[in-house]
Structures are given as structure tokens and as C-alpha cells.
Amino acid sequence: MNLQPYYQMVEKCISAFGIDPVSCRGEQEGQWNLTRGSASVWVDVWNIDTEQGPLGYFQCMAPVIELPATNVDKFCQELLEINHTLYGVAFTINENWAYIKIIREVEGLEDSEVSATMNRVGFYADDYDDKLKAKYGVITGGRG
């Protein structure tokens, strides 16, 4: 699947935030790294090969907090309870970090959705990194 129109869509939305999209590009084509407050926001557009051919995906995620050394069960339960209040995104855990994440197919993706998704992920990550750090006293905002 040709992803160039989706790359252009993401860069158009980044530009609309008043940010130079070229300065946000990651190491690989289809990756961008932004910040919102204290939160890092990662945007990815890529293909996955399937039997039906390549399928394109859009992902926006933000590392929020490293899992605490103690009270992990309580922490995970709290993340699940927070998920119930979130709109269009969810907490996930990968490699000892909690992230806010959304992933979807690129088919039918529109500028307004890309922009709203980046805003939403950034808002929630910036909000919850401070709240969870204050409660659990662990590192926020880095790569897991």
C-alpha cells in the first residue's frame, strides 16, 4: 500500500500545530516524535504484510510512566479503571512501561482524526504522567 498520502497527512497536521514536521521525523520513514507539555508523542504509519497484501496502519502513542517496583497490581487496576474514562485511547503496558495508545487502519483516515488523535494522546499523557508519578513515585516520559 502506498503510504505517501498518509505521511503527507501527518505532516500537514503537525504543521497545523505550528511545528516543523521535518524536525519531528524519526529514524525511519513514517515515524514522527512530538512533545506536548512533559509528554513525548510518537506517531507511526507503516504497512503490515498479509495474505491479502500490505495493510497500512496509523498509530499514535506516548510513554507515560515506568511500572512501579511495588504495588504493580494496584497500579494496573488503576490503569484499567482510568481506561474506562478515556475517549478513543487506552493505557497499554509494554516492556515495563505504561503508554497511552491508539492504532487503526489508515483506510478512511482523515486530517481531522489525525489531528484529534495526536492532541488526545498528548493531552492524556501529559495529564496522567504527573498524576501517576505523584502517586507511585516512578519515572515518567522516557522510552521503555
C-alpha atoms as a PDB file:
ATOM      1  CA  MET A   1       0.000   0.000   0.000  1.00  0.00           C
ATOM      2  CA  ASN A   2       1.283   3.451  -0.889  1.00  0.00           C
ATOM      3  CA  LEU A   3       1.628   5.326   2.408  1.00  0.00           C
ATOM      4  CA  GLN A   4       2.874   8.640   0.975  1.00  0.00           C
ATOM      5  CA  PRO A   5      -0.582  10.312   1.200  1.00  0.00           C
ATOM      6  CA  TYR A   6      -0.752   9.363   4.887  1.00  0.00           C
ATOM      7  CA  TYR A   7       2.781  10.637   5.550  1.00  0.00           C
ATOM      8  CA  GLN A   8       1.712  13.927   3.956  1.00  0.00           C
ATOM      9  CA  MET A   9      -1.459  13.947   6.063  1.00  0.00           C
ATOM     10  CA  VAL A  10       0.510  13.523   9.307  1.00  0.00           C
ATOM     11  CA  GLU A  11       2.993  16.222   8.313  1.00  0.00           C
ATOM     12  CA  LYS A  12       0.162  18.597   7.374  1.00  0.00           C
ATOM     13  CA  CYS A  13      -1.356  18.093  10.840  1.00  0.00           C
ATOM     14  CA  ILE A  14       1.996  18.608  12.566  1.00  0.00           C
ATOM     15  CA  SER A  15       2.438  21.838  10.575  1.00  0.00           C
ATOM     16  CA  ALA A  16      -1.020  22.972  11.693  1.00  0.00           C
ATOM     17  CA  PHE A  17       0.262  22.743  15.295  1.00  0.00           C
ATOM     18  CA  GLY A  18       2.917  25.298  14.349  1.00  0.00           C
ATOM     19  CA  ILE A  19       5.697  22.684  14.382  1.00  0.00           C
ATOM     20  CA  ASP A  20       8.122  21.888  11.569  1.00  0.00           C
ATOM     21  CA  PRO A  21       7.302  18.271  10.650  1.00  0.00           C
ATOM     22  CA  VAL A  22      10.765  17.680   9.199  1.00  0.00           C
ATOM     23  CA  SER A  23      12.289  18.335  12.634  1.00  0.00           C
ATOM     24  CA  CYS A  24       9.936  15.707  14.114  1.00  0.00           C
ATOM     25  CA  ARG A  25      10.788  12.898  11.716  1.00  0.00           C
ATOM     26  CA  GLY A  26      12.096   9.711  13.290  1.00  0.00           C
ATOM     27  CA  GLU A  27      14.906   7.484  12.130  1.00  0.00           C
ATOM     28  CA  GLN A  28      12.654   5.574   9.734  1.00  0.00           C
ATOM     29  CA  GLU A  29      10.212   6.879   7.168  1.00  0.00           C
ATOM     30  CA  GLY A  30       6.718   7.081   8.656  1.00  0.00           C
ATOM     31  CA  GLN A  31       7.843   7.994  12.181  1.00  0.00           C
ATOM     32  CA  TRP A  32       7.482  11.328  13.989  1.00  0.00           C
ATOM     33  CA  ASN A  33       8.254  12.396  17.569  1.00  0.00           C
ATOM     34  CA  LEU A  34       6.486  15.384  19.134  1.00  0.00           C
ATOM     35  CA  THR A  35       6.046  16.758  22.639  1.00  0.00           C
ATOM     36  CA  ARG A  36       3.020  18.011  24.487  1.00  0.00           C
ATOM     37  CA  GLY A  37       3.887  19.524  27.834  1.00  0.00           C
ATOM     38  CA  SER A  38       6.049  16.923  29.562  1.00  0.00           C
ATOM     39  CA  ALA A  39       4.868  14.099  27.293  1.00  0.00           C
ATOM     40  CA  SER A  40       6.547  12.597  24.237  1.00  0.00           C
ATOM     41  CA  VAL A  41       4.100  11.675  21.472  1.00  0.00           C
ATOM     42  CA  TRP A  42       5.141   9.129  18.853  1.00  0.00           C
ATOM     43  CA  VAL A  43       3.333   8.828  15.533  1.00  0.00           C
ATOM     44  CA  ASP A  44       3.877   5.891  13.170  1.00  0.00           C
ATOM     45  CA  VAL A  45       2.452   4.991   9.754  1.00  0.00           C
ATOM     46  CA  TRP A  46       3.510   1.632   8.322  1.00  0.00           C
ATOM     47  CA  ASN A  47       2.476  -1.411   6.346  1.00  0.00           C
ATOM     48  CA  ILE A  48       1.956  -4.926   7.636  1.00  0.00           C
ATOM     49  CA  ASP A  49       2.195  -7.670   5.017  1.00  0.00           C
ATOM     50  CA  THR A  50      -0.793 -10.010   4.982  1.00  0.00           C
ATOM     51  CA  GLU A  51      -2.005 -12.759   2.667  1.00  0.00           C
ATOM     52  CA  GLN A  52      -4.308 -10.167   1.089  1.00  0.00           C
ATOM     53  CA  GLY A  53      -1.386  -7.773   0.547  1.00  0.00           C
ATOM     54  CA  PRO A  54       0.026  -4.918   2.613  1.00  0.00           C
ATOM     55  CA  LEU A  55      -2.303  -3.160   5.051  1.00  0.00           C
ATOM     56  CA  GLY A  56      -1.455   0.330   6.279  1.00  0.00           C
ATOM     57  CA  TYR A  57      -1.720   1.342   9.929  1.00  0.00           C
ATOM     58  CA  PHE A  58      -1.657   4.619  11.872  1.00  0.00           C
ATOM     59  CA  GLN A  59      -0.501   4.571  15.478  1.00  0.00           C
ATOM     60  CA  CYS A  60      -0.137   7.344  17.986  1.00  0.00           C
ATOM     61  CA  MET A  61       1.270   6.584  21.423  1.00  0.00           C
ATOM     62  CA  ALA A  62       3.024   8.210  24.342  1.00  0.00           C
ATOM     63  CA  PRO A  63       5.151   6.716  27.104  1.00  0.00           C
ATOM     64  CA  VAL A  64       3.547   7.794  30.370  1.00  0.00           C
ATOM     65  CA  ILE A  65       5.270   6.081  33.275  1.00  0.00           C
ATOM     66  CA  GLU A  66       7.560   3.210  34.135  1.00  0.00           C
ATOM     67  CA  LEU A  67       5.810   0.493  36.111  1.00  0.00           C
ATOM     68  CA  PRO A  68       6.397   0.850  39.853  1.00  0.00           C
ATOM     69  CA  ALA A  69       8.649  -1.622  41.659  1.00  0.00           C
ATOM     70  CA  THR A  70       5.881  -2.255  44.224  1.00  0.00           C
ATOM     71  CA  ASN A  71       2.074  -2.152  44.137  1.00  0.00           C
ATOM     72  CA  VAL A  72       2.031  -3.275  40.497  1.00  0.00           C
ATOM     73  CA  ASP A  73      -1.377  -4.952  40.907  1.00  0.00           C
ATOM     74  CA  LYS A  74      -2.870  -1.764  42.337  1.00  0.00           C
ATOM     75  CA  PHE A  75      -1.197   0.286  39.593  1.00  0.00           C
ATOM     76  CA  CYS A  76      -2.548  -1.969  36.804  1.00  0.00           C
ATOM     77  CA  GLN A  77      -6.023  -1.932  38.296  1.00  0.00           C
ATOM     78  CA  GLU A  78      -5.904   1.854  38.386  1.00  0.00           C
ATOM     79  CA  LEU A  79      -4.877   1.967  34.714  1.00  0.00           C
ATOM     80  CA  LEU A  80      -7.841  -0.254  33.809  1.00  0.00           C
ATOM     81  CA  GLU A  81     -10.176   1.991  35.787  1.00  0.00           C
ATOM     82  CA  ILE A  82      -8.726   5.077  34.063  1.00  0.00           C
ATOM     83  CA  ASN A  83      -9.234   3.363  30.677  1.00  0.00           C
ATOM     84  CA  HIS A  84     -12.961   3.353  31.369  1.00  0.00           C
ATOM     85  CA  THR A  85     -12.911   7.179  31.458  1.00  0.00           C
ATOM     86  CA  LEU A  86     -10.699   7.768  28.406  1.00  0.00           C
ATOM     87  CA  TYR A  87     -12.071   8.620  24.986  1.00  0.00           C
ATOM     88  CA  GLY A  88     -10.690   6.807  21.945  1.00  0.00           C
ATOM     89  CA  VAL A  89      -7.379   5.744  23.513  1.00  0.00           C
ATOM     90  CA  ALA A  90      -6.250   3.333  26.203  1.00  0.00           C
ATOM     91  CA  PHE A  91      -3.398   2.579  28.536  1.00  0.00           C
ATOM     92  CA  THR A  92      -1.212  -0.327  27.465  1.00  0.00           C
ATOM     93  CA  ILE A  93       1.844  -1.889  29.060  1.00  0.00           C
ATOM     94  CA  ASN A  94       4.937  -2.920  27.141  1.00  0.00           C
ATOM     95  CA  GLU A  95       8.492  -3.591  28.335  1.00  0.00           C
ATOM     96  CA  ASN A  96       7.848  -2.277  31.857  1.00  0.00           C
ATOM     97  CA  TRP A  97       6.259   0.999  30.694  1.00  0.00           C
ATOM     98  CA  ALA A  98       2.665   2.227  30.581  1.00  0.00           C
ATOM     99  CA  TYR A  99       1.661   4.022  27.386  1.00  0.00           C
ATOM    100  CA  ILE A 100      -1.385   5.834  26.079  1.00  0.00           C
ATOM    101  CA  LYS A 101      -2.026   4.327  22.647  1.00  0.00           C
ATOM    102  CA  ILE A 102      -4.342   4.160  19.671  1.00  0.00           C
ATOM    103  CA  ILE A 103      -3.877   2.157  16.496  1.00  0.00           C
ATOM    104  CA  ARG A 104      -6.112   1.865  13.445  1.00  0.00           C
ATOM    105  CA  GLU A 105      -6.034   1.119   9.736  1.00  0.00           C
ATOM    106  CA  VAL A 106      -5.117   4.052   7.501  1.00  0.00           C
ATOM    107  CA  GLU A 107      -8.029   3.369   5.170  1.00  0.00           C
ATOM    108  CA  GLY A 108     -10.567   6.158   5.659  1.00  0.00           C
ATOM    109  CA  LEU A 109      -8.215   8.188   7.855  1.00  0.00           C
ATOM    110  CA  GLU A 110      -8.823  11.938   7.648  1.00  0.00           C
ATOM    111  CA  ASP A 111      -6.826  15.000   8.680  1.00  0.00           C
ATOM    112  CA  SER A 112      -9.238  15.826  11.478  1.00  0.00           C
ATOM    113  CA  GLU A 113      -8.812  12.371  13.012  1.00  0.00           C
ATOM    114  CA  VAL A 114      -5.013  12.522  12.843  1.00  0.00           C
ATOM    115  CA  SER A 115      -5.002  15.932  14.498  1.00  0.00           C
ATOM    116  CA  ALA A 116      -7.537  14.978  17.172  1.00  0.00           C
ATOM    117  CA  THR A 117      -5.656  11.746  17.918  1.00  0.00           C
ATOM    118  CA  MET A 118      -2.310  13.488  18.379  1.00  0.00           C
ATOM    119  CA  ASN A 119      -3.987  16.082  20.609  1.00  0.00           C
ATOM    120  CA  ARG A 120      -5.820  13.459  22.653  1.00  0.00           C
ATOM    121  CA  VAL A 121      -2.818  11.193  23.189  1.00  0.00           C
ATOM    122  CA  GLY A 122      -0.663  14.173  24.124  1.00  0.00           C
ATOM    123  CA  PHE A 123      -3.264  15.609  26.480  1.00  0.00           C
ATOM    124  CA  TYR A 124      -3.859  12.373  28.373  1.00  0.00           C
ATOM    125  CA  ALA A 125      -0.145  11.512  28.587  1.00  0.00           C
ATOM    126  CA  ASP A 126       0.744  14.994  29.844  1.00  0.00           C
ATOM    127  CA  ASP A 127      -2.069  14.853  32.387  1.00  0.00           C
ATOM    128  CA  TYR A 128      -1.519  11.337  33.706  1.00  0.00           C
ATOM    129  CA  ASP A 129       2.293  11.295  33.812  1.00  0.00           C
ATOM    130  CA  ASP A 130       2.297  13.852  36.633  1.00  0.00           C
ATOM    131  CA  LYS A 131      -0.659  12.315  38.484  1.00  0.00           C
ATOM    132  CA  LEU A 132       0.730   8.778  38.376  1.00  0.00           C
ATOM    133  CA  LYS A 133       4.275   9.852  39.228  1.00  0.00           C
ATOM    134  CA  ALA A 134       2.989  11.725  42.274  1.00  0.00           C
ATOM    135  CA  LYS A 135       1.068   8.649  43.400  1.00  0.00           C
ATOM    136  CA  TYR A 136       3.592   5.909  42.569  1.00  0.00           C
ATOM    137  CA  GLY A 137       6.880   7.847  42.567  1.00  0.00           C
ATOM    138  CA  VAL A 138       8.353   6.402  39.376  1.00  0.00           C
ATOM    139  CA  ILE A 139       9.957   7.742  36.206  1.00  0.00           C
ATOM    140  CA  THR A 140       7.793   9.363  33.531  1.00  0.00           C
ATOM    141  CA  GLY A 141       8.181  10.179  29.859  1.00  0.00           C
ATOM    142  CA  GLY A 142      11.148   8.025  28.791  1.00  0.00           C
ATOM    143  CA  ARG A 143      11.474   5.067  26.492  1.00  0.00           C
ATOM    144  CA  GLY A 144      10.912   1.622  27.906  1.00  0.00           C
END
